[in-house]
Amino acid sequence: MDRNGLRGRIIAKGFSIDEFCKAIGMTRVTFDRRMSGKTEFTRDEIARIMEVLELTVEEMYSIFFIKKVA
């Protein structure tokens, strides 16, 4: 997951992290766990994120599913 990419999109849309969490119906603690990699985002959560951030399918894949090659 591209954590920096997601944070950048959130900020670019004018949200604070707390505002964004509220918009997608997630607690800050849960969001932080997802961002740290302790747990994964569910499909429903990804769908809400796509809607709130107005992401295209390609953007969603680049953030959530494409692994970086070292």
PDB file of N, CA and C in Angstrom:
ATOM      1  N   MET A   1       0.828  -1.180   0.000  1.00  0.00           N
ATOM      2  CA  MET A   1       0.000   0.000   0.000  1.00  0.00           C
ATOM      3  C   MET A   1       0.875   1.247   0.000  1.00  0.00           C
ATOM      4  N   ASP A   2       0.457   2.237  -0.760  1.00  0.00           N
ATOM      5  CA  ASP A   2       1.188   3.505  -0.841  1.00  0.00           C
ATOM      6  C   ASP A   2       0.607   4.472   0.193  1.00  0.00           C
ATOM      7  N   ARG A   3       1.134   4.412   1.403  1.00  0.00           N
ATOM      8  CA  ARG A   3       0.622   5.244   2.502  1.00  0.00           C
ATOM      9  C   ARG A   3       0.803   6.736   2.227  1.00  0.00           C
ATOM     10  N   ASN A   4       1.967   7.081   1.679  1.00  0.00           N
ATOM     11  CA  ASN A   4       2.224   8.488   1.377  1.00  0.00           C
ATOM     12  C   ASN A   4       1.274   8.993   0.289  1.00  0.00           C
ATOM     13  N   GLY A   5       0.994   8.140  -0.671  1.00  0.00           N
ATOM     14  CA  GLY A   5       0.058   8.513  -1.726  1.00  0.00           C
ATOM     15  C   GLY A   5      -1.338   8.785  -1.181  1.00  0.00           C
ATOM     16  N   LEU A   6      -1.789   7.932  -0.260  1.00  0.00           N
ATOM     17  CA  LEU A   6      -3.109   8.131   0.341  1.00  0.00           C
ATOM     18  C   LEU A   6      -3.140   9.405   1.177  1.00  0.00           C
ATOM     19  N   ARG A   7      -2.124   9.605   2.003  1.00  0.00           N
ATOM     20  CA  ARG A   7      -2.071  10.840   2.812  1.00  0.00           C
ATOM     21  C   ARG A   7      -2.053  12.081   1.921  1.00  0.00           C
ATOM     22  N   GLY A   8      -1.309  12.001   0.840  1.00  0.00           N
ATOM     23  CA  GLY A   8      -1.250  13.133  -0.085  1.00  0.00           C
ATOM     24  C   GLY A   8      -2.597  13.451  -0.703  1.00  0.00           C
ATOM     25  N   ARG A   9      -3.348  12.412  -1.060  1.00  0.00           N
ATOM     26  CA  ARG A   9      -4.690  12.623  -1.640  1.00  0.00           C
ATOM     27  C   ARG A   9      -5.631  13.226  -0.615  1.00  0.00           C
ATOM     28  N   ILE A  10      -5.531  12.761   0.622  1.00  0.00           N
ATOM     29  CA  ILE A  10      -6.386  13.285   1.689  1.00  0.00           C
ATOM     30  C   ILE A  10      -6.120  14.774   1.869  1.00  0.00           C
ATOM     31  N   ILE A  11      -4.860  15.138   1.955  1.00  0.00           N
ATOM     32  CA  ILE A  11      -4.486  16.543   2.154  1.00  0.00           C
ATOM     33  C   ILE A  11      -4.847  17.378   0.933  1.00  0.00           C
ATOM     34  N   ALA A  12      -4.629  16.831  -0.262  1.00  0.00           N
ATOM     35  CA  ALA A  12      -4.947  17.563  -1.492  1.00  0.00           C
ATOM     36  C   ALA A  12      -6.436  17.882  -1.594  1.00  0.00           C
ATOM     37  N   LYS A  13      -7.275  17.030  -1.018  1.00  0.00           N
ATOM     38  CA  LYS A  13      -8.720  17.272  -1.018  1.00  0.00           C
ATOM     39  C   LYS A  13      -9.144  18.217   0.101  1.00  0.00           C
ATOM     40  N   GLY A  14      -8.189  18.656   0.917  1.00  0.00           N
ATOM     41  CA  GLY A  14      -8.473  19.644   1.946  1.00  0.00           C
ATOM     42  C   GLY A  14      -8.944  19.085   3.278  1.00  0.00           C
ATOM     43  N   PHE A  15      -8.762  17.785   3.475  1.00  0.00           N
ATOM     44  CA  PHE A  15      -9.159  17.154   4.731  1.00  0.00           C
ATOM     45  C   PHE A  15      -8.002  17.115   5.707  1.00  0.00           C
ATOM     46  N   SER A  16      -8.308  17.261   6.989  1.00  0.00           N
ATOM     47  CA  SER A  16      -7.365  16.827   8.020  1.00  0.00           C
ATOM     48  C   SER A  16      -7.604  15.325   8.153  1.00  0.00           C
ATOM     49  N   ILE A  17      -6.722  14.616   8.818  1.00  0.00           N
ATOM     50  CA  ILE A  17      -6.917  13.174   8.989  1.00  0.00           C
ATOM     51  C   ILE A  17      -8.182  12.908   9.798  1.00  0.00           C
ATOM     52  N   ASP A  18      -8.416  13.686  10.831  1.00  0.00           N
ATOM     53  CA  ASP A  18      -9.628  13.500  11.642  1.00  0.00           C
ATOM     54  C   ASP A  18     -10.897  13.757  10.828  1.00  0.00           C
ATOM     55  N   GLU A  19     -10.903  14.796  10.006  1.00  0.00           N
ATOM     56  CA  GLU A  19     -12.065  15.081   9.150  1.00  0.00           C
ATOM     57  C   GLU A  19     -12.293  13.956   8.151  1.00  0.00           C
ATOM     58  N   PHE A  20     -11.206  13.443   7.598  1.00  0.00           N
ATOM     59  CA  PHE A  20     -11.303  12.362   6.629  1.00  0.00           C
ATOM     60  C   PHE A  20     -11.872  11.106   7.281  1.00  0.00           C
ATOM     61  N   CYS A  21     -11.384  10.769   8.458  1.00  0.00           N
ATOM     62  CA  CYS A  21     -11.889   9.595   9.172  1.00  0.00           C
ATOM     63  C   CYS A  21     -13.392   9.717   9.406  1.00  0.00           C
ATOM     64  N   LYS A  22     -13.828  10.876   9.795  1.00  0.00           N
ATOM     65  CA  LYS A  22     -15.261  11.095  10.019  1.00  0.00           C
ATOM     66  C   LYS A  22     -16.037  10.930   8.709  1.00  0.00           C
ATOM     67  N   ALA A  23     -15.489  11.455   7.623  1.00  0.00           N
ATOM     68  CA  ALA A  23     -16.156  11.385   6.319  1.00  0.00           C
ATOM     69  C   ALA A  23     -16.320   9.949   5.822  1.00  0.00           C
ATOM     70  N   ILE A  24     -15.368   9.081   6.165  1.00  0.00           N
ATOM     71  CA  ILE A  24     -15.471   7.693   5.716  1.00  0.00           C
ATOM     72  C   ILE A  24     -16.059   6.777   6.789  1.00  0.00           C
ATOM     73  N   GLY A  25     -16.415   7.343   7.938  1.00  0.00           N
ATOM     74  CA  GLY A  25     -17.049   6.558   8.988  1.00  0.00           C
ATOM     75  C   GLY A  25     -16.109   5.604   9.708  1.00  0.00           C
ATOM     76  N   MET A  26     -14.896   6.070   9.950  1.00  0.00           N
ATOM     77  CA  MET A  26     -13.882   5.231  10.598  1.00  0.00           C
ATOM     78  C   MET A  26     -13.277   6.003  11.760  1.00  0.00           C
ATOM     79  N   THR A  27     -12.966   5.306  12.847  1.00  0.00           N
ATOM     80  CA  THR A  27     -12.302   5.986  13.951  1.00  0.00           C
ATOM     81  C   THR A  27     -10.845   6.263  13.576  1.00  0.00           C
ATOM     82  N   ARG A  28     -10.270   7.229  14.232  1.00  0.00           N
ATOM     83  CA  ARG A  28      -8.869   7.569  13.983  1.00  0.00           C
ATOM     84  C   ARG A  28      -7.961   6.401  14.348  1.00  0.00           C
ATOM     85  N   VAL A  29      -8.295   5.698  15.433  1.00  0.00           N
ATOM     86  CA  VAL A  29      -7.492   4.552  15.864  1.00  0.00           C
ATOM     87  C   VAL A  29      -7.486   3.475  14.778  1.00  0.00           C
ATOM     88  N   THR A  30      -8.654   3.166  14.227  1.00  0.00           N
ATOM     89  CA  THR A  30      -8.747   2.158  13.166  1.00  0.00           C
ATOM     90  C   THR A  30      -7.968   2.610  11.946  1.00  0.00           C
ATOM     91  N   PHE A  31      -8.120   3.873  11.567  1.00  0.00           N
ATOM     92  CA  PHE A  31      -7.389   4.397  10.411  1.00  0.00           C
ATOM     93  C   PHE A  31      -5.883   4.272  10.616  1.00  0.00           C
ATOM     94  N   ASP A  32      -5.409   4.630  11.797  1.00  0.00           N
ATOM     95  CA  ASP A  32      -3.977   4.543  12.089  1.00  0.00           C
ATOM     96  C   ASP A  32      -3.482   3.096  12.011  1.00  0.00           C
ATOM     97  N   ARG A  33      -4.294   2.152  12.472  1.00  0.00           N
ATOM     98  CA  ARG A  33      -3.919   0.727  12.367  1.00  0.00           C
ATOM     99  C   ARG A  33      -3.808   0.309  10.905  1.00  0.00           C
ATOM    100  N   ARG A  34      -4.750   0.778  10.096  1.00  0.00           N
ATOM    101  CA  ARG A  34      -4.717   0.435   8.669  1.00  0.00           C
ATOM    102  C   ARG A  34      -3.473   1.049   8.012  1.00  0.00           C
ATOM    103  N   MET A  35      -3.206   2.293   8.331  1.00  0.00           N
ATOM    104  CA  MET A  35      -2.072   2.990   7.714  1.00  0.00           C
ATOM    105  C   MET A  35      -0.730   2.409   8.159  1.00  0.00           C
ATOM    106  N   SER A  36      -0.671   1.882   9.373  1.00  0.00           N
ATOM    107  CA  SER A  36       0.587   1.309   9.867  1.00  0.00           C
ATOM    108  C   SER A  36       0.810  -0.109   9.353  1.00  0.00           C
ATOM    109  N   GLY A  37      -0.223  -0.684   8.737  1.00  0.00           N
ATOM    110  CA  GLY A  37      -0.098  -2.031   8.211  1.00  0.00           C
ATOM    111  C   GLY A  37      -0.436  -3.117   9.217  1.00  0.00           C
ATOM    112  N   LYS A  38      -0.889  -2.732  10.409  1.00  0.00           N
ATOM    113  CA  LYS A  38      -1.266  -3.730  11.414  1.00  0.00           C
ATOM    114  C   LYS A  38      -2.506  -4.503  10.994  1.00  0.00           C
ATOM    115  N   THR A  39      -3.418  -3.821  10.309  1.00  0.00           N
ATOM    116  CA  THR A  39      -4.600  -4.455   9.722  1.00  0.00           C
ATOM    117  C   THR A  39      -4.779  -3.865   8.331  1.00  0.00           C
ATOM    118  N   GLU A  40      -5.577  -4.546   7.512  1.00  0.00           N
ATOM    119  CA  GLU A  40      -5.779  -4.082   6.135  1.00  0.00           C
ATOM    120  C   GLU A  40      -7.137  -3.405   5.975  1.00  0.00           C
ATOM    121  N   PHE A  41      -7.209  -2.492   5.012  1.00  0.00           N
ATOM    122  CA  PHE A  41      -8.482  -1.881   4.672  1.00  0.00           C
ATOM    123  C   PHE A  41      -9.392  -2.945   4.064  1.00  0.00           C
ATOM    124  N   THR A  42     -10.682  -2.882   4.402  1.00  0.00           N
ATOM    125  CA  THR A  42     -11.649  -3.798   3.799  1.00  0.00           C
ATOM    126  C   THR A  42     -12.096  -3.231   2.455  1.00  0.00           C
ATOM    127  N   ARG A  43     -12.782  -4.067   1.683  1.00  0.00           N
ATOM    128  CA  ARG A  43     -13.301  -3.595   0.395  1.00  0.00           C
ATOM    129  C   ARG A  43     -14.285  -2.447   0.594  1.00  0.00           C
ATOM    130  N   ASP A  44     -15.155  -2.557   1.600  1.00  0.00           N
ATOM    131  CA  ASP A  44     -16.118  -1.480   1.852  1.00  0.00           C
ATOM    132  C   ASP A  44     -15.421  -0.180   2.233  1.00  0.00           C
ATOM    133  N   GLU A  45     -14.366  -0.278   3.028  1.00  0.00           N
ATOM    134  CA  GLU A  45     -13.615   0.920   3.416  1.00  0.00           C
ATOM    135  C   GLU A  45     -12.946   1.549   2.198  1.00  0.00           C
ATOM    136  N   ILE A  46     -12.373   0.722   1.345  1.00  0.00           N
ATOM    137  CA  ILE A  46     -11.734   1.234   0.130  1.00  0.00           C
ATOM    138  C   ILE A  46     -12.772   1.921  -0.761  1.00  0.00           C
ATOM    139  N   ALA A  47     -13.952   1.337  -0.860  1.00  0.00           N
ATOM    140  CA  ALA A  47     -15.022   1.943  -1.665  1.00  0.00           C
ATOM    141  C   ALA A  47     -15.411   3.306  -1.109  1.00  0.00           C
ATOM    142  N   ARG A  48     -15.508   3.430   0.213  1.00  0.00           N
ATOM    143  CA  ARG A  48     -15.849   4.733   0.817  1.00  0.00           C
ATOM    144  C   ARG A  48     -14.736   5.739   0.584  1.00  0.00           C
ATOM    145  N   ILE A  49     -13.486   5.288   0.696  1.00  0.00           N
ATOM    146  CA  ILE A  49     -12.342   6.169   0.449  1.00  0.00           C
ATOM    147  C   ILE A  49     -12.363   6.653  -0.995  1.00  0.00           C
ATOM    148  N   MET A  50     -12.627   5.737  -1.926  1.00  0.00           N
ATOM    149  CA  MET A  50     -12.708   6.114  -3.348  1.00  0.00           C
ATOM    150  C   MET A  50     -13.768   7.186  -3.568  1.00  0.00           C
ATOM    151  N   GLU A  51     -14.906   7.013  -2.920  1.00  0.00           N
ATOM    152  CA  GLU A  51     -16.002   7.965  -3.088  1.00  0.00           C
ATOM    153  C   GLU A  51     -15.654   9.330  -2.512  1.00  0.00           C
ATOM    154  N   VAL A  52     -15.149   9.341  -1.293  1.00  0.00           N
ATOM    155  CA  VAL A  52     -14.845  10.619  -0.624  1.00  0.00           C
ATOM    156  C   VAL A  52     -13.710  11.360  -1.335  1.00  0.00           C
ATOM    157  N   LEU A  53     -12.693  10.632  -1.765  1.00  0.00           N
ATOM    158  CA  LEU A  53     -11.544  11.266  -2.427  1.00  0.00           C
ATOM    159  C   LEU A  53     -11.717  11.389  -3.933  1.00  0.00           C
ATOM    160  N   GLU A  54     -12.829  10.856  -4.452  1.00  0.00           N
ATOM    161  CA  GLU A  54     -13.115  10.887  -5.883  1.00  0.00           C
ATOM    162  C   GLU A  54     -11.971  10.258  -6.685  1.00  0.00           C
ATOM    163  N   LEU A  55     -11.551   9.073  -6.264  1.00  0.00           N
ATOM    164  CA  LEU A  55     -10.470   8.359  -6.928  1.00  0.00           C
ATOM    165  C   LEU A  55     -10.998   7.568  -8.116  1.00  0.00           C
ATOM    166  N   THR A  56     -10.196   7.492  -9.149  1.00  0.00           N
ATOM    167  CA  THR A  56     -10.505   6.600 -10.262  1.00  0.00           C
ATOM    168  C   THR A  56     -10.097   5.181  -9.851  1.00  0.00           C
ATOM    169  N   VAL A  57     -10.514   4.213 -10.622  1.00  0.00           N
ATOM    170  CA  VAL A  57     -10.128   2.828 -10.352  1.00  0.00           C
ATOM    171  C   VAL A  57      -8.610   2.687 -10.426  1.00  0.00           C
ATOM    172  N   GLU A  58      -8.005   3.333 -11.394  1.00  0.00           N
ATOM    173  CA  GLU A  58      -6.546   3.267 -11.547  1.00  0.00           C
ATOM    174  C   GLU A  58      -5.831   3.864 -10.342  1.00  0.00           C
ATOM    175  N   GLU A  59      -6.333   4.997  -9.861  1.00  0.00           N
ATOM    176  CA  GLU A  59      -5.732   5.629  -8.682  1.00  0.00           C
ATOM    177  C   GLU A  59      -5.881   4.730  -7.457  1.00  0.00           C
ATOM    178  N   MET A  60      -7.050   4.115  -7.322  1.00  0.00           N
ATOM    179  CA  MET A  60      -7.297   3.217  -6.200  1.00  0.00           C
ATOM    180  C   MET A  60      -6.316   2.053  -6.233  1.00  0.00           C
ATOM    181  N   TYR A  61      -6.127   1.446  -7.413  1.00  0.00           N
ATOM    182  CA  TYR A  61      -5.182   0.334  -7.529  1.00  0.00           C
ATOM    183  C   TYR A  61      -3.769   0.778  -7.203  1.00  0.00           C
ATOM    184  N   SER A  62      -3.390   1.963  -7.659  1.00  0.00           N
ATOM    185  CA  SER A  62      -2.017   2.418  -7.410  1.00  0.00           C
ATOM    186  C   SER A  62      -1.772   2.678  -5.928  1.00  0.00           C
ATOM    187  N   ILE A  63      -2.799   3.026  -5.189  1.00  0.00           N
ATOM    188  CA  ILE A  63      -2.648   3.271  -3.751  1.00  0.00           C
ATOM    189  C   ILE A  63      -2.733   1.973  -2.954  1.00  0.00           C
ATOM    190  N   PHE A  64      -3.710   1.137  -3.244  1.00  0.00           N
ATOM    191  CA  PHE A  64      -4.002   0.003  -2.376  1.00  0.00           C
ATOM    192  C   PHE A  64      -3.427  -1.342  -2.808  1.00  0.00           C
ATOM    193  N   PHE A  65      -3.136  -1.539  -4.100  1.00  0.00           N
ATOM    194  CA  PHE A  65      -2.821  -2.883  -4.533  1.00  0.00           C
ATOM    195  C   PHE A  65      -1.498  -3.088  -5.242  1.00  0.00           C
ATOM    196  N   ILE A  66      -0.902  -2.058  -5.746  1.00  0.00           N
ATOM    197  CA  ILE A  66       0.352  -2.238  -6.471  1.00  0.00           C
ATOM    198  C   ILE A  66       1.518  -2.167  -5.480  1.00  0.00           C
ATOM    199  N   LYS A  67       2.264  -3.236  -5.428  1.00  0.00           N
ATOM    200  CA  LYS A  67       3.403  -3.291  -4.513  1.00  0.00           C
ATOM    201  C   LYS A  67       4.596  -2.613  -5.160  1.00  0.00           C
ATOM    202  N   LYS A  68       5.340  -1.917  -4.333  1.00  0.00           N
ATOM    203  CA  LYS A  68       6.551  -1.271  -4.827  1.00  0.00           C
ATOM    204  C   LYS A  68       7.669  -2.307  -4.941  1.00  0.00           C
ATOM    205  N   VAL A  69       8.446  -2.189  -5.991  1.00  0.00           N
ATOM    206  CA  VAL A  69       9.570  -3.095  -6.202  1.00  0.00           C
ATOM    207  C   VAL A  69      10.825  -2.388  -5.727  1.00  0.00           C
ATOM    208  N   ALA A  70      11.580  -3.071  -4.891  1.00  0.00           N
ATOM    209  CA  ALA A  70      12.797  -2.456  -4.334  1.00  0.00           C
ATOM    210  C   ALA A  70      13.925  -2.481  -5.312  1.00  0.00           C
TER     211      ALA A  70
END
